[in-house]
Amino acid sequence: MILILTRPLAATNSNAETALSVGLANCQHRNCRSETKSALTLSPLRSPILLAGTITAFLVHLAAMYSPIGQAFLQSEPVALKIWGILLMLDLIIFPVMELHKWTWSTRHREPSYV
């Protein structure tokens, strides 16, 4: 009886974990283009293959999660809108962390200026 009651919760958690990892990858794709330059200074259109791949991967993830064929094959279920909001906030944490890392790296490895 307990297994029957906890099974949907376990499936929802698994789906949320998968959505979190896909979201982190999607948020990280801009930071991966440069180890030293801010992602805010780089245009996403300069690498259209990376942008198209990121969007395609996200759409495939959504299709697998929300289509009946994907749900049957992966034994998944849709994630609630409230959970999507929480996952988005968690996904976006990586962006300022990576920007801070790039800034500290550039200040630590700044080339000395010889006047």
N, C-alpha and C. Protein backbone atom coordinates (compact mmCIF):
# COMPACT_ATOMS: atom_id res chain seq x y z
N MET A 1 0.82 -1.19 0.00
CA MET A 1 0.00 0.00 0.00
C MET A 1 0.87 1.26 0.00
N ILE A 2 1.93 1.26 0.78
CA ILE A 2 2.80 2.43 0.83
C ILE A 2 3.49 2.63 -0.51
N LEU A 3 3.91 1.56 -1.15
CA LEU A 3 4.57 1.68 -2.45
C LEU A 3 3.63 2.28 -3.49
N ILE A 4 2.38 1.93 -3.44
CA ILE A 4 1.41 2.47 -4.40
C ILE A 4 1.23 3.96 -4.18
N LEU A 5 1.23 4.40 -2.93
CA LEU A 5 1.04 5.82 -2.65
C LEU A 5 2.29 6.64 -2.96
N THR A 6 3.46 6.05 -2.79
CA THR A 6 4.68 6.82 -3.02
C THR A 6 5.17 6.74 -4.46
N ARG A 7 4.67 5.85 -5.26
CA ARG A 7 5.12 5.70 -6.64
C ARG A 7 4.93 6.97 -7.46
N PRO A 8 3.76 7.63 -7.45
CA PRO A 8 3.64 8.87 -8.22
C PRO A 8 4.60 9.96 -7.75
N LEU A 9 4.84 10.03 -6.46
CA LEU A 9 5.76 11.03 -5.95
C LEU A 9 7.18 10.75 -6.43
N ALA A 10 7.56 9.48 -6.41
CA ALA A 10 8.89 9.11 -6.89
C ALA A 10 9.03 9.40 -8.38
N ALA A 11 7.99 9.14 -9.15
CA ALA A 11 8.04 9.42 -10.59
C ALA A 11 8.12 10.92 -10.84
N THR A 12 7.37 11.70 -10.06
CA THR A 12 7.41 13.15 -10.21
C THR A 12 8.80 13.68 -9.86
N ASN A 13 9.40 13.17 -8.80
CA ASN A 13 10.75 13.61 -8.43
C ASN A 13 11.76 13.26 -9.51
N SER A 14 11.64 12.08 -10.08
CA SER A 14 12.55 11.67 -11.15
C SER A 14 12.40 12.58 -12.36
N ASN A 15 11.17 12.91 -12.71
CA ASN A 15 10.92 13.82 -13.83
C ASN A 15 11.46 15.21 -13.54
N ALA A 16 11.31 15.66 -12.31
CA ALA A 16 11.83 16.98 -11.94
C ALA A 16 13.35 16.99 -11.97
N GLU A 17 13.98 15.91 -11.55
CA GLU A 17 15.44 15.83 -11.60
C GLU A 17 15.93 15.87 -13.04
N THR A 18 15.24 15.16 -13.92
CA THR A 18 15.62 15.18 -15.33
C THR A 18 15.42 16.57 -15.91
N ALA A 19 14.30 17.20 -15.58
CA ALA A 19 14.04 18.56 -16.07
C ALA A 19 15.08 19.54 -15.52
N LEU A 20 15.51 19.34 -14.29
CA LEU A 20 16.54 20.20 -13.71
C LEU A 20 17.86 20.06 -14.46
N SER A 21 18.25 18.84 -14.77
CA SER A 21 19.52 18.65 -15.47
C SER A 21 19.46 19.22 -16.89
N VAL A 22 18.34 19.08 -17.56
CA VAL A 22 18.18 19.67 -18.90
C VAL A 22 18.20 21.19 -18.79
N GLY A 23 17.53 21.73 -17.79
CA GLY A 23 17.52 23.18 -17.60
C GLY A 23 18.89 23.74 -17.28
N LEU A 24 19.66 23.03 -16.44
CA LEU A 24 21.01 23.48 -16.14
C LEU A 24 21.88 23.50 -17.39
N ALA A 25 21.73 22.48 -18.21
CA ALA A 25 22.49 22.44 -19.46
C ALA A 25 22.09 23.60 -20.36
N ASN A 26 20.81 23.89 -20.42
CA ASN A 26 20.34 25.00 -21.25
C ASN A 26 20.84 26.35 -20.74
N CYS A 27 20.88 26.52 -19.43
CA CYS A 27 21.38 27.78 -18.87
C CYS A 27 22.89 27.89 -19.00
N GLN A 28 23.57 26.76 -19.01
CA GLN A 28 25.02 26.76 -19.06
C GLN A 28 25.57 26.92 -20.48
N HIS A 29 24.75 26.70 -21.50
CA HIS A 29 25.28 26.69 -22.87
C HIS A 29 25.94 28.01 -23.25
N ARG A 30 25.46 29.14 -22.74
CA ARG A 30 26.08 30.42 -23.07
C ARG A 30 27.39 30.61 -22.32
N ASN A 31 27.47 30.11 -21.10
CA ASN A 31 28.71 30.25 -20.34
C ASN A 31 29.83 29.40 -20.92
N CYS A 32 29.50 28.33 -21.59
CA CYS A 32 30.52 27.43 -22.12
C CYS A 32 31.27 28.02 -23.32
N ARG A 33 30.78 29.08 -23.88
CA ARG A 33 31.41 29.64 -25.07
C ARG A 33 32.72 30.34 -24.76
N SER A 34 32.91 30.79 -23.55
CA SER A 34 34.15 31.44 -23.19
C SER A 34 34.43 31.21 -21.71
N GLU A 35 35.70 30.92 -21.42
CA GLU A 35 36.09 30.71 -20.03
C GLU A 35 36.41 32.02 -19.32
N THR A 36 36.64 33.08 -20.10
CA THR A 36 37.07 34.33 -19.49
C THR A 36 36.14 35.50 -19.76
N LYS A 37 35.42 35.49 -20.86
CA LYS A 37 34.53 36.60 -21.20
C LYS A 37 33.14 36.35 -20.64
N SER A 38 32.49 37.43 -20.25
CA SER A 38 31.14 37.33 -19.72
C SER A 38 30.18 36.85 -20.81
N ALA A 39 29.25 36.00 -20.41
CA ALA A 39 28.25 35.50 -21.36
C ALA A 39 27.34 36.63 -21.83
N LEU A 40 27.24 37.69 -21.05
CA LEU A 40 26.39 38.81 -21.44
C LEU A 40 26.98 39.61 -22.59
N THR A 41 28.28 39.47 -22.82
CA THR A 41 28.92 40.21 -23.92
C THR A 41 28.96 39.40 -25.22
N LEU A 42 28.62 38.12 -25.15
CA LEU A 42 28.67 37.26 -26.33
C LEU A 42 27.27 37.07 -26.91
N SER A 43 27.15 37.27 -28.20
CA SER A 43 25.87 37.08 -28.87
C SER A 43 25.58 35.60 -29.05
N PRO A 44 24.37 35.15 -28.71
CA PRO A 44 24.05 33.73 -28.92
C PRO A 44 23.94 33.39 -30.40
N LEU A 45 23.78 34.39 -31.26
CA LEU A 45 23.65 34.15 -32.69
C LEU A 45 25.00 33.89 -33.36
N ARG A 46 26.10 34.12 -32.65
CA ARG A 46 27.42 33.84 -33.23
C ARG A 46 27.69 32.34 -33.32
N SER A 47 26.95 31.56 -32.57
CA SER A 47 27.07 30.10 -32.62
C SER A 47 25.68 29.50 -32.83
N PRO A 48 25.19 29.58 -34.07
CA PRO A 48 23.82 29.11 -34.32
C PRO A 48 23.64 27.61 -34.11
N ILE A 49 24.69 26.83 -34.31
CA ILE A 49 24.57 25.39 -34.11
C ILE A 49 24.36 25.07 -32.64
N LEU A 50 25.10 25.74 -31.77
CA LEU A 50 24.94 25.55 -30.33
C LEU A 50 23.54 25.98 -29.88
N LEU A 51 23.08 27.12 -30.38
CA LEU A 51 21.75 27.62 -30.02
C LEU A 51 20.66 26.67 -30.51
N ALA A 52 20.78 26.22 -31.76
CA ALA A 52 19.78 25.29 -32.31
C ALA A 52 19.80 23.96 -31.56
N GLY A 53 20.98 23.48 -31.21
CA GLY A 53 21.07 22.23 -30.46
C GLY A 53 20.46 22.33 -29.09
N THR A 54 20.66 23.46 -28.43
CA THR A 54 20.10 23.67 -27.10
C THR A 54 18.57 23.72 -27.16
N ILE A 55 18.06 24.47 -28.12
CA ILE A 55 16.60 24.58 -28.27
C ILE A 55 16.00 23.22 -28.65
N THR A 56 16.66 22.51 -29.55
CA THR A 56 16.17 21.19 -29.98
C THR A 56 16.16 20.21 -28.81
N ALA A 57 17.22 20.21 -28.02
CA ALA A 57 17.28 19.29 -26.87
C ALA A 57 16.15 19.58 -25.88
N PHE A 58 15.88 20.86 -25.66
CA PHE A 58 14.80 21.22 -24.74
C PHE A 58 13.43 20.80 -25.30
N LEU A 59 13.22 21.01 -26.60
CA LEU A 59 11.94 20.62 -27.21
C LEU A 59 11.75 19.11 -27.22
N VAL A 60 12.83 18.35 -27.44
CA VAL A 60 12.74 16.89 -27.38
C VAL A 60 12.40 16.46 -25.96
N HIS A 61 12.99 17.11 -24.99
CA HIS A 61 12.69 16.80 -23.59
C HIS A 61 11.21 17.05 -23.28
N LEU A 62 10.70 18.20 -23.72
CA LEU A 62 9.29 18.50 -23.50
C LEU A 62 8.38 17.52 -24.22
N ALA A 63 8.73 17.19 -25.45
CA ALA A 63 7.91 16.25 -26.22
C ALA A 63 7.87 14.88 -25.54
N ALA A 64 9.00 14.44 -25.05
CA ALA A 64 9.05 13.14 -24.38
C ALA A 64 8.26 13.17 -23.07
N MET A 65 8.28 14.30 -22.39
CA MET A 65 7.61 14.38 -21.11
C MET A 65 6.09 14.54 -21.24
N TYR A 66 5.64 15.23 -22.30
CA TYR A 66 4.21 15.54 -22.41
C TYR A 66 3.47 14.73 -23.46
N SER A 67 4.14 13.99 -24.32
CA SER A 67 3.43 13.17 -25.31
C SER A 67 3.13 11.80 -24.71
N PRO A 68 2.02 11.21 -25.10
CA PRO A 68 1.68 9.88 -24.56
C PRO A 68 2.72 8.81 -24.92
N ILE A 69 3.30 8.90 -26.10
CA ILE A 69 4.31 7.91 -26.51
C ILE A 69 5.56 8.05 -25.63
N GLY A 70 6.00 9.29 -25.42
CA GLY A 70 7.16 9.52 -24.57
C GLY A 70 6.92 9.11 -23.14
N GLN A 71 5.71 9.38 -22.64
CA GLN A 71 5.38 9.00 -21.27
C GLN A 71 5.38 7.48 -21.11
N ALA A 72 4.85 6.78 -22.11
CA ALA A 72 4.82 5.31 -22.02
C ALA A 72 6.22 4.73 -22.14
N PHE A 73 7.01 5.26 -23.04
CA PHE A 73 8.35 4.72 -23.27
C PHE A 73 9.29 5.01 -22.10
N LEU A 74 9.25 6.23 -21.58
CA LEU A 74 10.15 6.63 -20.50
C LEU A 74 9.55 6.47 -19.10
N GLN A 75 8.30 6.06 -19.05
CA GLN A 75 7.57 5.96 -17.79
C GLN A 75 7.66 7.26 -17.02
N SER A 76 7.31 8.33 -17.70
CA SER A 76 7.39 9.67 -17.10
C SER A 76 6.00 10.27 -17.03
N GLU A 77 5.93 11.41 -16.38
CA GLU A 77 4.69 12.16 -16.31
C GLU A 77 5.04 13.64 -16.34
N PRO A 78 4.10 14.48 -16.74
CA PRO A 78 4.39 15.91 -16.82
C PRO A 78 4.73 16.50 -15.45
N VAL A 79 5.54 17.55 -15.48
CA VAL A 79 5.90 18.27 -14.27
C VAL A 79 4.93 19.44 -14.12
N ALA A 80 4.47 19.69 -12.89
CA ALA A 80 3.53 20.76 -12.64
C ALA A 80 4.17 22.12 -12.89
N LEU A 81 3.35 23.10 -13.21
CA LEU A 81 3.84 24.45 -13.52
C LEU A 81 4.59 25.06 -12.34
N LYS A 82 4.11 24.81 -11.13
CA LYS A 82 4.79 25.33 -9.93
C LYS A 82 6.20 24.76 -9.83
N ILE A 83 6.35 23.47 -10.12
CA ILE A 83 7.67 22.84 -10.07
C ILE A 83 8.56 23.40 -11.17
N TRP A 84 8.00 23.69 -12.35
CA TRP A 84 8.79 24.31 -13.42
C TRP A 84 9.36 25.65 -12.96
N GLY A 85 8.56 26.42 -12.23
CA GLY A 85 9.04 27.71 -11.72
C GLY A 85 10.20 27.54 -10.75
N ILE A 86 10.08 26.56 -9.86
CA ILE A 86 11.16 26.28 -8.91
C ILE A 86 12.40 25.81 -9.66
N LEU A 87 12.21 24.95 -10.64
CA LEU A 87 13.35 24.44 -11.42
C LEU A 87 14.03 25.57 -12.19
N LEU A 88 13.25 26.50 -12.71
CA LEU A 88 13.84 27.63 -13.44
C LEU A 88 14.71 28.47 -12.51
N MET A 89 14.22 28.72 -11.31
CA MET A 89 15.03 29.48 -10.35
C MET A 89 16.32 28.73 -10.00
N LEU A 90 16.23 27.42 -9.81
CA LEU A 90 17.43 26.63 -9.53
C LEU A 90 18.38 26.62 -10.72
N ASP A 91 17.83 26.54 -11.94
CA ASP A 91 18.65 26.55 -13.15
C ASP A 91 19.42 27.85 -13.30
N LEU A 92 18.79 28.95 -12.96
CA LEU A 92 19.41 30.25 -13.16
C LEU A 92 20.50 30.57 -12.14
N ILE A 93 20.61 29.76 -11.10
CA ILE A 93 21.67 29.97 -10.10
C ILE A 93 23.05 29.83 -10.74
N ILE A 94 23.17 28.95 -11.70
CA ILE A 94 24.48 28.68 -12.30
C ILE A 94 25.03 29.89 -13.05
N PHE A 95 24.15 30.73 -13.59
CA PHE A 95 24.61 31.86 -14.40
C PHE A 95 25.42 32.87 -13.58
N PRO A 96 24.89 33.42 -12.48
CA PRO A 96 25.72 34.36 -11.71
C PRO A 96 26.95 33.70 -11.08
N VAL A 97 26.85 32.43 -10.73
CA VAL A 97 28.01 31.74 -10.16
C VAL A 97 29.14 31.67 -11.20
N MET A 98 28.81 31.33 -12.43
CA MET A 98 29.83 31.26 -13.48
C MET A 98 30.36 32.64 -13.85
N GLU A 99 29.50 33.64 -13.83
CA GLU A 99 29.97 35.00 -14.11
C GLU A 99 30.94 35.48 -13.02
N LEU A 100 30.64 35.15 -11.78
CA LEU A 100 31.53 35.49 -10.67
C LEU A 100 32.87 34.76 -10.82
N HIS A 101 32.81 33.50 -11.21
CA HIS A 101 34.03 32.73 -11.43
C HIS A 101 34.88 33.37 -12.54
N LYS A 102 34.26 33.75 -13.63
CA LYS A 102 35.00 34.39 -14.73
C LYS A 102 35.62 35.71 -14.28
N TRP A 103 34.89 36.47 -13.49
CA TRP A 103 35.41 37.75 -13.03
C TRP A 103 36.60 37.55 -12.10
N THR A 104 36.47 36.62 -11.14
CA THR A 104 37.58 36.38 -10.23
C THR A 104 38.78 35.79 -10.96
N TRP A 105 38.54 34.93 -11.93
CA TRP A 105 39.63 34.36 -12.70
C TRP A 105 40.37 35.45 -13.48
N SER A 106 39.61 36.35 -14.09
CA SER A 106 40.26 37.41 -14.87
C SER A 106 41.04 38.38 -13.97
N THR A 107 40.58 38.61 -12.76
CA THR A 107 41.33 39.49 -11.86
C THR A 107 42.57 38.80 -11.31
N ARG A 108 42.51 37.50 -11.10
CA ARG A 108 43.67 36.76 -10.59
C ARG A 108 44.73 36.54 -11.68
N HIS A 109 44.31 36.44 -12.92
CA HIS A 109 45.24 36.12 -14.01
C HIS A 109 45.43 37.29 -14.96
N ARG A 110 45.25 38.47 -14.44
CA ARG A 110 45.42 39.67 -15.27
C ARG A 110 46.91 39.82 -15.61
N GLU A 111 47.18 40.09 -16.87
CA GLU A 111 48.57 40.27 -17.29
C GLU A 111 49.06 41.62 -16.77
N PRO A 112 50.28 41.64 -16.27
CA PRO A 112 50.81 42.93 -15.78
C PRO A 112 51.04 43.89 -16.94
N SER A 113 50.71 45.12 -16.70
CA SER A 113 50.90 46.12 -17.75
C SER A 113 52.26 46.80 -17.55
N TYR A 114 53.03 46.76 -18.59
CA TYR A 114 54.36 47.38 -18.56
C TYR A 114 54.26 48.73 -19.25
N VAL A 115 54.48 49.76 -18.50
CA VAL A 115 54.34 51.11 -19.04
C VAL A 115 55.64 51.62 -19.57
